[in-house]
Protein backbone atom coordinates (compact mmCIF):
# COMPACT_ATOMS: atom_id res chain seq x y z
CA PRO A 1 12.31 12.77 -23.48
CA ALA A 2 9.09 12.24 -21.57
CA SER A 3 7.80 8.68 -21.51
CA THR A 4 4.57 7.00 -20.51
CA PRO A 5 4.92 4.72 -17.45
CA GLY A 6 4.24 1.08 -18.24
CA ASP A 7 2.06 -1.22 -16.17
CA ALA A 8 3.87 -3.25 -13.54
CA LEU A 9 3.19 -6.76 -14.87
CA VAL A 10 4.74 -9.71 -13.07
CA GLU A 11 4.32 -13.46 -13.39
CA ILE A 12 3.38 -15.41 -10.29
CA GLN A 13 2.84 -19.13 -9.70
CA ASP A 14 1.82 -21.41 -12.58
CA GLY A 15 2.12 -18.64 -15.16
CA MET A 16 -0.58 -16.49 -13.53
CA ARG A 17 -0.10 -12.74 -14.03
CA LEU A 18 -0.40 -9.81 -11.64
CA ALA A 19 -0.43 -6.17 -12.76
CA LEU A 20 -0.94 -2.70 -11.32
CA LEU A 21 -3.11 -0.54 -13.57
CA HIS A 22 -3.51 3.16 -12.87
CA ASN A 23 -4.69 6.13 -14.86
CA ASP A 24 -1.24 7.63 -15.54
CA HIS A 25 -1.32 6.14 -19.02
CA ALA A 26 -2.41 7.03 -22.54
CA LYS A 27 -4.98 4.21 -22.44
CA GLY A 28 -7.76 3.77 -19.91
CA ILE A 29 -7.67 1.10 -17.22
CA GLY A 30 -10.56 -0.74 -18.85
CA GLU A 31 -8.82 -0.86 -22.22
CA ARG A 32 -5.64 -2.29 -20.71
CA PHE A 33 -7.72 -4.82 -18.78
CA ILE A 34 -9.29 -5.98 -22.05
CA GLU A 35 -5.83 -6.32 -23.59
CA LEU A 36 -4.70 -8.49 -20.67
CA VAL A 37 -7.81 -10.66 -21.03
CA GLY A 38 -6.83 -11.19 -24.65
CA ILE A 39 -8.70 -13.34 -27.16
CA ARG A 40 -10.48 -16.13 -25.30
CA PRO A 41 -14.05 -17.48 -25.32
CA VAL A 42 -15.61 -15.72 -22.32
CA LYS A 43 -18.50 -17.50 -20.63
CA ARG A 44 -19.51 -14.89 -18.08
CA LEU A 45 -18.71 -11.32 -17.10
CA VAL A 46 -19.33 -10.45 -13.45
CA VAL A 47 -19.25 -6.78 -12.41
CA VAL A 48 -19.60 -5.52 -8.85
CA SER A 49 -19.87 -1.73 -8.57
CA PRO A 50 -21.71 0.85 -6.46
CA TYR A 51 -21.78 3.44 -9.26
CA TRP A 52 -22.59 3.08 -12.97
CA ASP A 53 -22.89 5.26 -16.07
CA SER A 54 -26.44 6.57 -16.44
CA ASP A 55 -26.64 4.72 -19.79
CA LEU A 56 -24.53 1.72 -18.67
CA ARG A 57 -22.10 2.36 -21.52
CA THR A 58 -19.09 0.89 -19.69
CA LEU A 59 -20.94 -2.28 -18.71
CA ARG A 60 -22.12 -2.71 -22.31
CA ALA A 61 -18.61 -2.04 -23.64
CA LEU A 62 -17.07 -4.65 -21.34
CA GLN A 63 -19.60 -7.21 -22.55
CA GLN A 64 -19.03 -6.35 -26.20
CA ARG A 65 -15.23 -6.25 -25.97
CA THR A 66 -14.96 -9.55 -24.07
CA GLY A 67 -17.75 -11.25 -26.02
CA ALA A 68 -19.18 -12.61 -22.77
CA GLU A 69 -22.12 -14.95 -23.25
CA THR A 70 -23.79 -13.71 -20.06
CA VAL A 71 -23.37 -10.71 -17.77
CA ALA A 72 -24.02 -10.57 -14.03
CA ALA A 73 -24.24 -7.06 -12.56
CA VAL A 74 -24.00 -7.16 -8.77
CA ILE A 75 -25.69 -4.12 -7.22
CA GLN A 76 -27.05 -2.92 -3.89
CA PRO A 77 -30.74 -2.37 -4.72
CA LYS A 78 -31.57 -0.11 -1.77
CA SER A 79 -28.90 2.42 -2.77
CA ALA A 80 -30.93 3.22 -5.94
CA LEU A 81 -27.74 3.86 -7.91
CA TYR A 82 -28.31 1.37 -10.73
CA PRO A 83 -30.00 2.93 -13.81
CA VAL A 84 -32.80 0.41 -14.24
CA ASP A 85 -34.22 2.20 -17.27
CA ALA A 86 -30.94 1.60 -19.14
CA HIS A 87 -30.75 -2.10 -18.25
CA PRO A 88 -30.31 -4.15 -21.44
CA PRO A 89 -33.40 -6.21 -22.34
CA ASP A 90 -31.19 -9.12 -23.42
CA GLU A 91 -31.76 -12.29 -21.47
CA GLY A 92 -28.03 -12.61 -21.01
CA PHE A 93 -27.92 -9.64 -18.59
CA GLY A 94 -28.83 -10.50 -15.00
CA LEU A 95 -29.01 -8.43 -11.81
CA PHE A 96 -27.93 -9.76 -8.44
CA SER A 97 -27.70 -8.30 -4.93
CA VAL A 98 -24.39 -7.60 -3.25
CA ASP A 99 -26.20 -8.06 0.07
CA GLN A 100 -26.23 -11.80 -0.68
CA VAL A 101 -22.44 -11.99 -0.95
CA GLN A 102 -20.80 -14.15 1.68
CA GLY A 103 -19.79 -11.99 4.66
CA ALA A 104 -21.65 -8.89 3.44
CA ASN A 105 -23.32 -6.55 5.92
CA PRO A 106 -26.59 -5.38 4.29
CA SER A 107 -26.82 -2.41 6.66
CA ARG A 108 -23.65 -0.86 5.20
CA PHE A 109 -23.12 0.83 1.85
CA ALA A 110 -21.35 -1.63 -0.47
CA HIS A 111 -18.29 0.09 -1.92
CA ALA A 112 -16.41 -2.81 -3.52
CA LYS A 113 -15.54 -2.69 -7.23
CA VAL A 114 -14.66 -5.93 -9.02
CA VAL A 115 -14.71 -7.13 -12.63
CA VAL A 116 -14.40 -10.87 -13.28
CA VAL A 117 -14.03 -12.39 -16.75
CA GLU A 118 -14.63 -16.15 -16.65
CA SER A 119 -13.45 -18.59 -19.30
CA ASP A 120 -12.27 -22.18 -19.55
CA GLU A 121 -8.74 -20.79 -19.96
CA GLY A 122 -8.90 -19.09 -16.56
CA ASP A 123 -10.43 -16.12 -14.76
CA CYS A 124 -9.22 -12.53 -15.14
CA VAL A 125 -10.01 -10.18 -12.26
CA LEU A 126 -9.79 -6.39 -11.98
CA PHE A 127 -10.29 -4.87 -8.53
CA GLY A 128 -9.48 -1.58 -6.85
CA SER A 129 -10.87 1.94 -6.86
CA GLY A 130 -12.48 2.03 -10.31
CA ASN A 131 -16.28 1.98 -10.58
CA CYS A 132 -17.95 0.59 -13.69
CA THR A 133 -18.01 4.04 -15.28
CA GLU A 134 -16.30 5.66 -18.22
CA ALA A 135 -14.81 8.30 -15.92
CA ALA A 136 -13.07 5.57 -13.91
CA LEU A 137 -12.17 2.90 -16.48
CA GLY A 138 -12.09 5.00 -19.65
CA SER A 139 -13.14 3.74 -23.08
CA ALA A 140 -11.58 2.55 -26.32
CA LEU A 141 -11.10 6.21 -27.31
CA LEU A 142 -10.63 8.00 -23.98
CA ALA A 143 -8.34 7.36 -21.02
CA SER A 144 -9.67 7.35 -17.47
CA ALA A 145 -10.65 10.82 -16.25
CA ASN A 146 -10.52 10.02 -12.53
CA GLY A 147 -7.49 9.22 -10.42
CA GLU A 148 -7.80 5.44 -10.09
CA ALA A 149 -5.61 2.46 -9.20
CA CYS A 150 -6.56 -1.18 -9.77
CA LEU A 151 -4.95 -4.59 -9.64
CA PHE A 152 -5.27 -7.21 -12.36
CA ARG A 153 -4.83 -10.87 -11.52
CA ASP A 154 -5.24 -14.24 -13.21
CA PHE A 155 -6.89 -17.16 -11.41
CA PRO A 156 -7.57 -20.76 -12.44
CA ALA A 157 -10.94 -21.22 -14.14
CA GLY A 158 -13.88 -20.90 -11.73
CA GLU A 159 -11.77 -19.88 -8.76
CA ALA A 160 -12.32 -16.10 -8.68
CA VAL A 161 -16.03 -16.14 -7.84
CA GLN A 162 -15.43 -18.76 -5.17
CA LEU A 163 -12.60 -16.80 -3.51
CA LEU A 164 -14.69 -13.61 -3.54
CA GLY A 165 -17.65 -15.31 -1.86
CA LEU A 166 -19.93 -14.53 -4.81
CA GLU A 167 -21.27 -18.03 -5.46
CA THR A 168 -24.42 -17.69 -3.34
CA ALA A 169 -25.17 -14.19 -4.64
CA LEU A 170 -24.89 -15.36 -8.28
CA ASN A 171 -27.17 -18.35 -7.91
CA GLU A 172 -29.93 -18.37 -10.55
CA SER A 173 -32.58 -18.39 -7.83
CA ALA A 174 -31.10 -15.17 -6.41
CA GLU A 175 -31.51 -13.13 -9.63
CA LEU A 176 -33.35 -9.88 -9.03
CA ALA A 177 -36.52 -8.93 -10.86
CA ILE A 178 -36.24 -5.61 -12.69
CA ALA A 179 -39.63 -4.54 -11.33
CA ASP A 180 -38.30 -4.82 -7.77
CA ILE A 181 -35.31 -2.51 -8.31
CA PRO A 182 -35.82 1.07 -7.06
CA SER A 183 -35.67 3.80 -9.68
CA PHE A 184 -32.29 5.38 -10.28
CA ALA A 185 -31.61 8.36 -7.98
CA MET A 186 -28.90 10.66 -9.31
CA VAL A 187 -26.35 11.55 -6.61
CA ASP A 188 -25.40 15.17 -6.06
CA GLU A 189 -22.39 16.40 -8.01
CA ILE A 190 -19.32 16.99 -5.83
CA PRO A 191 -18.17 20.63 -6.24
CA LEU A 192 -14.54 19.69 -6.87
CA PRO A 193 -13.30 23.14 -8.08
CA GLU A 194 -14.81 24.86 -5.02
CA LEU A 195 -13.36 22.25 -2.66
CA GLU A 196 -9.95 22.44 -4.31
CA ALA A 197 -9.84 26.19 -3.70
CA THR A 198 -10.14 25.60 0.07
CA LEU A 199 -7.49 22.89 0.36
CA PRO A 200 -4.46 23.90 2.47
CA GLY A 201 -2.03 21.62 0.66
CA ARG A 202 -0.16 18.64 2.10
CA PHE A 203 1.67 18.53 5.43
CA GLU A 204 4.17 16.04 6.81
CA LEU A 205 5.50 16.12 10.38
CA SER A 206 8.75 14.31 11.15
CA GLY A 207 10.12 15.03 14.62
CA ASP A 208 10.31 18.81 14.86
CA LEU A 209 10.37 19.29 11.08
CA LEU A 210 7.10 20.25 9.41
CA ARG A 211 7.11 20.02 5.62
CA TRP A 212 4.43 21.85 3.67
CA TRP A 213 3.52 21.47 0.02
CA PRO A 214 1.16 24.42 -0.60
CA PRO A 215 -1.68 24.19 -3.14
CA THR A 216 -0.96 25.52 -6.61
CA ASN A 217 -3.27 28.51 -6.14
CA LEU A 218 -1.41 29.81 -3.07
CA LEU A 219 1.85 31.79 -2.89
CA PRO A 220 3.69 30.44 0.19
CA ASP A 221 5.73 33.62 0.69
CA GLY A 222 2.60 35.52 1.66
CA ALA A 223 1.08 32.76 3.80
CA THR A 224 0.93 32.54 7.59
CA LEU A 225 0.89 29.10 9.20
CA GLU A 226 -1.16 28.64 12.34
CA LEU A 227 -1.50 25.34 14.20
CA LEU A 228 -4.61 24.62 16.25
CA ASP A 229 -5.24 21.96 18.88
CA LEU A 230 -8.33 19.73 19.11
CA GLN A 231 -10.24 22.59 20.78
CA GLU A 232 -9.25 24.84 17.85
CA GLU A 233 -7.05 26.93 20.11
CA PRO A 234 -3.73 28.25 18.69
CA ILE A 235 -0.66 26.21 19.65
CA PRO A 236 2.29 28.40 20.71
CA TRP A 237 5.29 27.64 18.54
CA ASN A 238 8.30 29.18 16.89
CA VAL A 239 8.88 28.38 13.23
CA SER A 240 12.07 28.86 11.23
CA ARG A 241 11.98 28.40 7.50
CA ILE A 242 14.41 25.87 6.05
CA GLY A 243 15.25 26.15 2.37
CA ALA A 244 13.24 27.64 -0.48
CA HIS A 245 10.42 25.07 -0.40
């Protein structure tokens, strides 16, 4: 019978845990992260993300589910991707600039995604490909819609922010004023169905053997393969089919 793959959870030094969380699961990555955090008094939730829900529902859900006393959202103001109008009015929600992170290059687009849950019992960290969005992390009712992979790791209390170089960026004096944040600019939707229709499939070259996994919308029996060089000129070759695939 079909089964749902479990998360690869291992124990490392001093009882700290390490886990691979991906979206091939009935529950979303965010929901499994919350389960790993467990029941503990959470002092602060720190979220670094380039993209957010337009209504910040995932950020709010993380705060509510963890019970964090304060929330620090680390954004890149100039990218105009944070929905300022949806920012919670609560004093416990603060905005900080990723450009102030140790080692950051303000001229580049910040693409890192990190969630840190801080408590006296230790820090829980989620990092990887998932933005702070419902499509990436899912919700209590829905699994992740995107193809994502993240790592979960425990750290001793107070160590995560230090290791990530976030201390300076999260200083109280560095908190951003809402009035100084540019208005949210919606990014263009990526035409995924149209792009998928033009994909040639996956190729793998090993020695003189070229393996081809054609896209699902293409019948390989009626296809002609043509290899081009860097100048887009045809490469002369002889091909012999091996096997049915």
